[in-house]
Amino acid sequence: MVCAQERPAGIDALLRQDFQEAHTLLCEQPLMASDASHVIAEIRRYVEHVMKWQSNSAFRRIVECLGRTIAGGPANAQFDLGKVYQALSERRLHDDWLQKSAAGGYPEALFILAGERERATGILDMESLRRAAEGGYPDAQYAIAQIYSGRDGRPKGRAPARDYAEALKWYEKLGTREGYEGPLKTSAQATVGWMYYLGQGTQVDYETALKWFNLAVSGVWYPGARTA
């Protein structure tokens, strides 16, 4: 079984352009779905940078056999495989694996498909967005907070009614998230500060507002945070 800390031997063979050995290691021996998931994640890391992989039919056969191994999941590996096919300019296969991943509840896949549906139909898929947010995907948490606060820019009637309390809940969830740092988190923290400052979805509380502004300032400077 492949250890999470090791690079799978099949990847080393691929990097050496030894597709026969890679096929033997990855396709001709029993491979558990968890091990295939690790291999696919590694392939995703390299596929955009190794041009010989992209044009090699033997490499594509290896990707296909890995896909058969994870046909039933896990959803994160299905998402990674979709990204591999995206790098190979295989749009149909990318879409197929993205759909499988979303069906398995993978948050990022749910978020991406919700966006694609809205662009295609003009209908906001709040159910998928909420599932992605509840699954912990930061972009979805921020998107839902923006929607409920009325800051998303959608025309009236395209989104649920403004609900500052619900928006505040999602901004706070993202703003206190451990293990994730990024501009969305900083923006969420600053927005929570303003909501306490203005009394949106909560009582006016300048002390709490200042604490949230300070959190935002400790990350990336956010306009207005220093003047509150």
C-alpha atoms as a PDB file:
ATOM      1  CA  MET A   1       0.000   0.000   0.000  1.00  0.00           C
ATOM      2  CA  VAL A   2       1.312   3.471  -0.897  1.00  0.00           C
ATOM      3  CA  CYS A   3       2.289   5.595   2.106  1.00  0.00           C
ATOM      4  CA  ALA A   4       1.073   9.177   2.082  1.00  0.00           C
ATOM      5  CA  GLN A   5       4.614  10.437   2.638  1.00  0.00           C
ATOM      6  CA  GLU A   6       6.120   8.587  -0.338  1.00  0.00           C
ATOM      7  CA  ARG A   7       5.951   9.402  -4.016  1.00  0.00           C
ATOM      8  CA  PRO A   8       4.444   6.352  -5.730  1.00  0.00           C
ATOM      9  CA  ALA A   9       6.933   4.324  -7.754  1.00  0.00           C
ATOM     10  CA  GLY A  10       4.726   4.652 -10.801  1.00  0.00           C
ATOM     11  CA  ILE A  11       5.165   8.419 -10.705  1.00  0.00           C
ATOM     12  CA  ASP A  12       8.940   8.058 -10.750  1.00  0.00           C
ATOM     13  CA  ALA A  13       8.612   5.836 -13.816  1.00  0.00           C
ATOM     14  CA  LEU A  14       6.381   8.416 -15.496  1.00  0.00           C
ATOM     15  CA  LEU A  15       8.871  11.177 -14.759  1.00  0.00           C
ATOM     16  CA  ARG A  16      11.556   9.046 -16.421  1.00  0.00           C
ATOM     17  CA  GLN A  17       9.192   8.661 -19.405  1.00  0.00           C
ATOM     18  CA  ASP A  18       9.242   4.879 -18.794  1.00  0.00           C
ATOM     19  CA  PHE A  19       5.607   4.296 -19.634  1.00  0.00           C
ATOM     20  CA  GLN A  20       5.949   0.510 -19.826  1.00  0.00           C
ATOM     21  CA  GLU A  21       7.202   0.301 -16.244  1.00  0.00           C
ATOM     22  CA  ALA A  22       4.609   2.824 -15.106  1.00  0.00           C
ATOM     23  CA  HIS A  23       1.861   0.755 -16.743  1.00  0.00           C
ATOM     24  CA  THR A  24       3.169  -2.381 -15.023  1.00  0.00           C
ATOM     25  CA  LEU A  25       3.259  -0.702 -11.615  1.00  0.00           C
ATOM     26  CA  LEU A  26      -0.029   1.153 -11.870  1.00  0.00           C
ATOM     27  CA  CYS A  27      -2.245  -0.936 -14.121  1.00  0.00           C
ATOM     28  CA  GLU A  28      -1.059  -4.552 -14.148  1.00  0.00           C
ATOM     29  CA  GLN A  29      -0.920  -4.982 -10.377  1.00  0.00           C
ATOM     30  CA  PRO A  30      -3.870  -4.729  -7.970  1.00  0.00           C
ATOM     31  CA  LEU A  31      -4.162  -1.126  -6.830  1.00  0.00           C
ATOM     32  CA  MET A  32      -6.471   0.012  -4.053  1.00  0.00           C
ATOM     33  CA  ALA A  33      -8.603   3.091  -4.657  1.00  0.00           C
ATOM     34  CA  SER A  34      -6.762   4.932  -1.873  1.00  0.00           C
ATOM     35  CA  ASP A  35      -3.427   4.252  -3.581  1.00  0.00           C
ATOM     36  CA  ALA A  36      -4.824   5.235  -6.981  1.00  0.00           C
ATOM     37  CA  SER A  37      -6.051   8.474  -5.378  1.00  0.00           C
ATOM     38  CA  HIS A  38      -2.506   9.294  -4.278  1.00  0.00           C
ATOM     39  CA  VAL A  39      -1.136   8.516  -7.727  1.00  0.00           C
ATOM     40  CA  ILE A  40      -3.753  10.693  -9.441  1.00  0.00           C
ATOM     41  CA  ALA A  41      -3.038  13.573  -7.062  1.00  0.00           C
ATOM     42  CA  GLU A  42       0.651  13.327  -7.972  1.00  0.00           C
ATOM     43  CA  ILE A  43      -0.129  13.168 -11.690  1.00  0.00           C
ATOM     44  CA  ARG A  44      -2.244  16.306 -11.297  1.00  0.00           C
ATOM     45  CA  ARG A  45       0.747  18.089  -9.748  1.00  0.00           C
ATOM     46  CA  TYR A  46       2.964  17.344 -12.721  1.00  0.00           C
ATOM     47  CA  VAL A  47       0.722  16.978 -15.773  1.00  0.00           C
ATOM     48  CA  GLU A  48       0.620  20.662 -16.729  1.00  0.00           C
ATOM     49  CA  HIS A  49       4.422  20.847 -16.706  1.00  0.00           C
ATOM     50  CA  VAL A  50       5.408  17.577 -18.414  1.00  0.00           C
ATOM     51  CA  MET A  51       4.511  18.163 -22.049  1.00  0.00           C
ATOM     52  CA  LYS A  52       5.519  14.647 -23.149  1.00  0.00           C
ATOM     53  CA  TRP A  53       2.792  13.214 -20.927  1.00  0.00           C
ATOM     54  CA  GLN A  54       0.148  15.303 -22.614  1.00  0.00           C
ATOM     55  CA  SER A  55       0.928  14.017 -26.095  1.00  0.00           C
ATOM     56  CA  ASN A  56       1.647  10.382 -25.208  1.00  0.00           C
ATOM     57  CA  SER A  57      -1.011   7.727 -25.831  1.00  0.00           C
ATOM     58  CA  ALA A  58       0.602   5.321 -23.344  1.00  0.00           C
ATOM     59  CA  PHE A  59       0.260   7.948 -20.615  1.00  0.00           C
ATOM     60  CA  ARG A  60      -3.407   8.384 -21.456  1.00  0.00           C
ATOM     61  CA  ARG A  61      -3.977   4.628 -21.167  1.00  0.00           C
ATOM     62  CA  ILE A  62      -2.478   4.754 -17.682  1.00  0.00           C
ATOM     63  CA  VAL A  63      -4.819   7.592 -16.751  1.00  0.00           C
ATOM     64  CA  GLU A  64      -7.749   5.567 -18.082  1.00  0.00           C
ATOM     65  CA  CYS A  65      -6.856   2.515 -15.994  1.00  0.00           C
ATOM     66  CA  LEU A  66      -6.533   4.680 -12.878  1.00  0.00           C
ATOM     67  CA  GLY A  67      -9.979   6.034 -13.638  1.00  0.00           C
ATOM     68  CA  ARG A  68     -11.412   2.533 -13.612  1.00  0.00           C
ATOM     69  CA  THR A  69      -9.936   2.002 -10.153  1.00  0.00           C
ATOM     70  CA  ILE A  70     -11.651   5.095  -8.707  1.00  0.00           C
ATOM     71  CA  ALA A  71     -14.917   4.795 -10.622  1.00  0.00           C
ATOM     72  CA  GLY A  72     -16.730   4.320  -7.325  1.00  0.00           C
ATOM     73  CA  GLY A  73     -14.809   7.000  -5.446  1.00  0.00           C
ATOM     74  CA  PRO A  74     -13.351   8.633  -3.517  1.00  0.00           C
ATOM     75  CA  ALA A  75     -14.800  11.927  -4.746  1.00  0.00           C
ATOM     76  CA  ASN A  76     -11.592  13.917  -4.204  1.00  0.00           C
ATOM     77  CA  ALA A  77      -9.696  11.570  -6.529  1.00  0.00           C
ATOM     78  CA  GLN A  78     -12.439  11.873  -9.131  1.00  0.00           C
ATOM     79  CA  PHE A  79     -12.072  15.640  -8.945  1.00  0.00           C
ATOM     80  CA  ASP A  80      -8.285  15.379  -9.371  1.00  0.00           C
ATOM     81  CA  LEU A  81      -8.748  13.098 -12.365  1.00  0.00           C
ATOM     82  CA  GLY A  82     -11.099  15.637 -13.892  1.00  0.00           C
ATOM     83  CA  LYS A  83      -8.364  18.239 -13.508  1.00  0.00           C
ATOM     84  CA  VAL A  84      -5.896  15.900 -15.206  1.00  0.00           C
ATOM     85  CA  TYR A  85      -8.257  15.559 -18.169  1.00  0.00           C
ATOM     86  CA  GLN A  86      -8.674  19.338 -18.205  1.00  0.00           C
ATOM     87  CA  ALA A  87      -4.896  19.658 -18.575  1.00  0.00           C
ATOM     88  CA  LEU A  88      -5.083  17.130 -21.417  1.00  0.00           C
ATOM     89  CA  SER A  89      -7.751  19.294 -23.124  1.00  0.00           C
ATOM     90  CA  GLU A  90     -10.322  16.508 -22.774  1.00  0.00           C
ATOM     91  CA  ARG A  91     -13.340  18.626 -21.908  1.00  0.00           C
ATOM     92  CA  ARG A  92     -15.930  15.859 -22.030  1.00  0.00           C
ATOM     93  CA  LEU A  93     -13.946  13.595 -19.730  1.00  0.00           C
ATOM     94  CA  HIS A  94     -13.201  16.525 -17.439  1.00  0.00           C
ATOM     95  CA  ASP A  95     -16.923  17.263 -17.172  1.00  0.00           C
ATOM     96  CA  ASP A  96     -17.792  13.586 -16.599  1.00  0.00           C
ATOM     97  CA  TRP A  97     -15.376  13.249 -13.687  1.00  0.00           C
ATOM     98  CA  LEU A  98     -16.442  16.580 -12.251  1.00  0.00           C
ATOM     99  CA  GLN A  99     -20.040  15.350 -12.253  1.00  0.00           C
ATOM    100  CA  LYS A 100     -19.001  12.108 -10.524  1.00  0.00           C
ATOM    101  CA  SER A 101     -17.077  14.057  -7.901  1.00  0.00           C
ATOM    102  CA  ALA A 102     -20.025  16.370  -7.239  1.00  0.00           C
ATOM    103  CA  ALA A 103     -22.359  13.384  -6.961  1.00  0.00           C
ATOM    104  CA  GLY A 104     -20.010  12.105  -4.265  1.00  0.00           C
ATOM    105  CA  GLY A 105     -20.338  15.403  -2.419  1.00  0.00           C
ATOM    106  CA  TYR A 106     -16.883  16.866  -3.072  1.00  0.00           C
ATOM    107  CA  PRO A 107     -17.252  20.565  -2.125  1.00  0.00           C
ATOM    108  CA  GLU A 108     -15.100  22.148  -4.831  1.00  0.00           C
ATOM    109  CA  ALA A 109     -16.851  20.152  -7.557  1.00  0.00           C
ATOM    110  CA  LEU A 110     -20.241  21.208  -6.205  1.00  0.00           C
ATOM    111  CA  PHE A 111     -19.129  24.845  -6.211  1.00  0.00           C
ATOM    112  CA  ILE A 112     -17.791  24.742  -9.766  1.00  0.00           C
ATOM    113  CA  LEU A 113     -20.900  23.028 -11.141  1.00  0.00           C
ATOM    114  CA  ALA A 114     -23.159  25.508  -9.347  1.00  0.00           C
ATOM    115  CA  GLY A 115     -21.338  28.317 -11.114  1.00  0.00           C
ATOM    116  CA  GLU A 116     -21.564  26.585 -14.473  1.00  0.00           C
ATOM    117  CA  ARG A 117     -25.294  25.993 -14.057  1.00  0.00           C
ATOM    118  CA  GLU A 118     -25.917  29.615 -13.184  1.00  0.00           C
ATOM    119  CA  ARG A 119     -23.929  30.833 -16.177  1.00  0.00           C
ATOM    120  CA  ALA A 120     -25.851  28.449 -18.455  1.00  0.00           C
ATOM    121  CA  THR A 121     -29.365  28.971 -17.088  1.00  0.00           C
ATOM    122  CA  GLY A 122     -29.299  32.158 -15.031  1.00  0.00           C
ATOM    123  CA  ILE A 123     -30.606  30.163 -12.061  1.00  0.00           C
ATOM    124  CA  LEU A 124     -28.708  30.278  -8.772  1.00  0.00           C
ATOM    125  CA  ASP A 125     -28.093  26.767  -7.410  1.00  0.00           C
ATOM    126  CA  MET A 126     -28.227  27.549  -3.690  1.00  0.00           C
ATOM    127  CA  GLU A 127     -28.521  23.886  -2.714  1.00  0.00           C
ATOM    128  CA  SER A 128     -25.164  22.986  -4.271  1.00  0.00           C
ATOM    129  CA  LEU A 129     -23.558  26.156  -2.942  1.00  0.00           C
ATOM    130  CA  ARG A 130     -24.779  25.379   0.551  1.00  0.00           C
ATOM    131  CA  ARG A 131     -23.542  21.788   0.363  1.00  0.00           C
ATOM    132  CA  ALA A 132     -20.151  23.038  -0.786  1.00  0.00           C
ATOM    133  CA  ALA A 133     -20.074  25.603   2.024  1.00  0.00           C
ATOM    134  CA  GLU A 134     -21.106  23.046   4.623  1.00  0.00           C
ATOM    135  CA  GLY A 135     -18.371  20.792   3.256  1.00  0.00           C
ATOM    136  CA  GLY A 136     -15.861  23.502   4.148  1.00  0.00           C
ATOM    137  CA  TYR A 137     -14.975  24.970   0.746  1.00  0.00           C
ATOM    138  CA  PRO A 138     -13.908  28.585   1.464  1.00  0.00           C
ATOM    139  CA  ASP A 139     -15.064  30.045  -1.862  1.00  0.00           C
ATOM    140  CA  ALA A 140     -18.547  28.638  -1.285  1.00  0.00           C
ATOM    141  CA  GLN A 141     -18.702  29.949   2.274  1.00  0.00           C
ATOM    142  CA  TYR A 142     -17.724  33.393   1.060  1.00  0.00           C
ATOM    143  CA  ALA A 143     -20.145  33.242  -1.870  1.00  0.00           C
ATOM    144  CA  ILE A 144     -23.102  32.375   0.370  1.00  0.00           C
ATOM    145  CA  ALA A 145     -22.185  35.137   2.807  1.00  0.00           C
ATOM    146  CA  GLN A 146     -21.994  37.612  -0.076  1.00  0.00           C
ATOM    147  CA  ILE A 147     -25.362  36.481  -1.414  1.00  0.00           C
ATOM    148  CA  TYR A 148     -27.171  36.834   1.907  1.00  0.00           C
ATOM    149  CA  SER A 149     -25.556  40.188   2.613  1.00  0.00           C
ATOM    150  CA  GLY A 150     -26.562  41.534  -0.809  1.00  0.00           C
ATOM    151  CA  ARG A 151     -22.935  42.144  -1.773  1.00  0.00           C
ATOM    152  CA  ASP A 152     -22.841  39.596  -4.604  1.00  0.00           C
ATOM    153  CA  GLY A 153     -24.034  41.982  -7.322  1.00  0.00           C
ATOM    154  CA  ARG A 154     -26.825  39.738  -8.611  1.00  0.00           C
ATOM    155  CA  PRO A 155     -29.964  41.531  -9.852  1.00  0.00           C
ATOM    156  CA  LYS A 156     -33.044  41.491  -7.648  1.00  0.00           C
ATOM    157  CA  GLY A 157     -34.916  38.217  -7.920  1.00  0.00           C
ATOM    158  CA  ARG A 158     -31.853  36.136  -8.785  1.00  0.00           C
ATOM    159  CA  ALA A 159     -30.893  35.452  -5.157  1.00  0.00           C
ATOM    160  CA  PRO A 160     -32.601  34.836  -1.801  1.00  0.00           C
ATOM    161  CA  ALA A 161     -33.817  37.796   0.208  1.00  0.00           C
ATOM    162  CA  ARG A 162     -31.156  39.652   2.138  1.00  0.00           C
ATOM    163  CA  ASP A 163     -30.515  38.022   5.512  1.00  0.00           C
ATOM    164  CA  TYR A 164     -27.746  39.722   7.464  1.00  0.00           C
ATOM    165  CA  ALA A 165     -27.847  37.183  10.304  1.00  0.00           C
ATOM    166  CA  GLU A 166     -27.289  34.308   7.865  1.00  0.00           C
ATOM    167  CA  ALA A 167     -24.542  36.259   6.093  1.00  0.00           C
ATOM    168  CA  LEU A 168     -22.830  36.997   9.393  1.00  0.00           C
ATOM    169  CA  LYS A 169     -22.884  33.303  10.288  1.00  0.00           C
ATOM    170  CA  TRP A 170     -21.002  32.370   7.120  1.00  0.00           C
ATOM    171  CA  TYR A 171     -18.559  35.288   7.282  1.00  0.00           C
ATOM    172  CA  GLU A 172     -17.713  34.320  10.867  1.00  0.00           C
ATOM    173  CA  LYS A 173     -17.350  30.652   9.949  1.00  0.00           C
ATOM    174  CA  LEU A 174     -14.847  31.540   7.237  1.00  0.00           C
ATOM    175  CA  GLY A 175     -13.154  34.213   9.342  1.00  0.00           C
ATOM    176  CA  THR A 176     -12.417  31.753  12.155  1.00  0.00           C
ATOM    177  CA  ARG A 177     -11.522  28.818   9.939  1.00  0.00           C
ATOM    178  CA  GLU A 178      -8.342  27.031  11.008  1.00  0.00           C
ATOM    179  CA  GLY A 179      -5.887  25.701   8.457  1.00  0.00           C
ATOM    180  CA  TYR A 180      -6.867  28.174   5.756  1.00  0.00           C
ATOM    181  CA  GLU A 181      -5.320  31.572   5.066  1.00  0.00           C
ATOM    182  CA  GLY A 182      -6.145  33.747   2.114  1.00  0.00           C
ATOM    183  CA  PRO A 183      -7.759  36.956   0.914  1.00  0.00           C
ATOM    184  CA  LEU A 184     -11.288  35.565   1.288  1.00  0.00           C
ATOM    185  CA  LYS A 185     -10.685  34.890   4.965  1.00  0.00           C
ATOM    186  CA  THR A 186      -9.262  38.368   5.493  1.00  0.00           C
ATOM    187  CA  SER A 187     -12.155  39.949   3.621  1.00  0.00           C
ATOM    188  CA  ALA A 188     -14.627  37.922   5.687  1.00  0.00           C
ATOM    189  CA  GLN A 189     -12.990  39.087   8.922  1.00  0.00           C
ATOM    190  CA  ALA A 190     -13.133  42.716   7.866  1.00  0.00           C
ATOM    191  CA  THR A 191     -16.755  42.358   6.771  1.00  0.00           C
ATOM    192  CA  VAL A 192     -17.691  40.839  10.124  1.00  0.00           C
ATOM    193  CA  GLY A 193     -16.066  43.871  11.720  1.00  0.00           C
ATOM    194  CA  TRP A 194     -18.218  46.223   9.667  1.00  0.00           C
ATOM    195  CA  MET A 195     -21.368  44.232  10.418  1.00  0.00           C
ATOM    196  CA  TYR A 196     -20.783  44.553  14.160  1.00  0.00           C
ATOM    197  CA  TYR A 197     -19.878  48.207  13.673  1.00  0.00           C
ATOM    198  CA  LEU A 198     -23.096  48.914  11.737  1.00  0.00           C
ATOM    199  CA  GLY A 199     -25.352  46.466  13.548  1.00  0.00           C
ATOM    200  CA  GLN A 200     -26.108  44.298  10.515  1.00  0.00           C
ATOM    201  CA  GLY A 201     -27.428  40.893  11.606  1.00  0.00           C
ATOM    202  CA  THR A 202     -26.394  41.647  15.158  1.00  0.00           C
ATOM    203  CA  GLN A 203     -26.456  44.363  17.782  1.00  0.00           C
ATOM    204  CA  VAL A 204     -23.997  47.223  17.359  1.00  0.00           C
ATOM    205  CA  ASP A 205     -20.861  46.178  19.206  1.00  0.00           C
ATOM    206  CA  TYR A 206     -17.824  48.406  18.676  1.00  0.00           C
ATOM    207  CA  GLU A 207     -15.532  46.305  20.848  1.00  0.00           C
ATOM    208  CA  THR A 208     -16.265  43.140  18.890  1.00  0.00           C
ATOM    209  CA  ALA A 209     -15.979  45.076  15.635  1.00  0.00           C
ATOM    210  CA  LEU A 210     -12.504  46.240  16.621  1.00  0.00           C
ATOM    211  CA  LYS A 211     -11.430  42.677  17.406  1.00  0.00           C
ATOM    212  CA  TRP A 212     -12.489  41.549  13.937  1.00  0.00           C
ATOM    213  CA  PHE A 213     -10.814  44.516  12.254  1.00  0.00           C
ATOM    214  CA  ASN A 214      -7.612  43.648  14.079  1.00  0.00           C
ATOM    215  CA  LEU A 215      -7.861  40.060  12.863  1.00  0.00           C
ATOM    216  CA  ALA A 216      -8.166  41.315   9.298  1.00  0.00           C
ATOM    217  CA  VAL A 217      -5.278  43.748   9.698  1.00  0.00           C
ATOM    218  CA  SER A 218      -3.049  40.981  11.072  1.00  0.00           C
ATOM    219  CA  GLY A 219      -3.460  39.195   7.736  1.00  0.00           C
ATOM    220  CA  VAL A 220      -3.708  41.334   4.635  1.00  0.00           C
ATOM    221  CA  TRP A 221      -4.554  45.030   4.923  1.00  0.00           C
ATOM    222  CA  TYR A 222      -8.179  45.671   4.079  1.00  0.00           C
ATOM    223  CA  PRO A 223      -9.292  49.195   3.101  1.00  0.00           C
ATOM    224  CA  GLY A 224     -11.012  50.958   5.971  1.00  0.00           C
ATOM    225  CA  ALA A 225     -10.052  48.449   8.631  1.00  0.00           C
ATOM    226  CA  ARG A 226      -7.431  50.693  10.209  1.00  0.00           C
ATOM    227  CA  THR A 227      -9.778  53.642  10.518  1.00  0.00           C
ATOM    228  CA  ALA A 228     -12.610  51.922  12.382  1.00  0.00           C
END
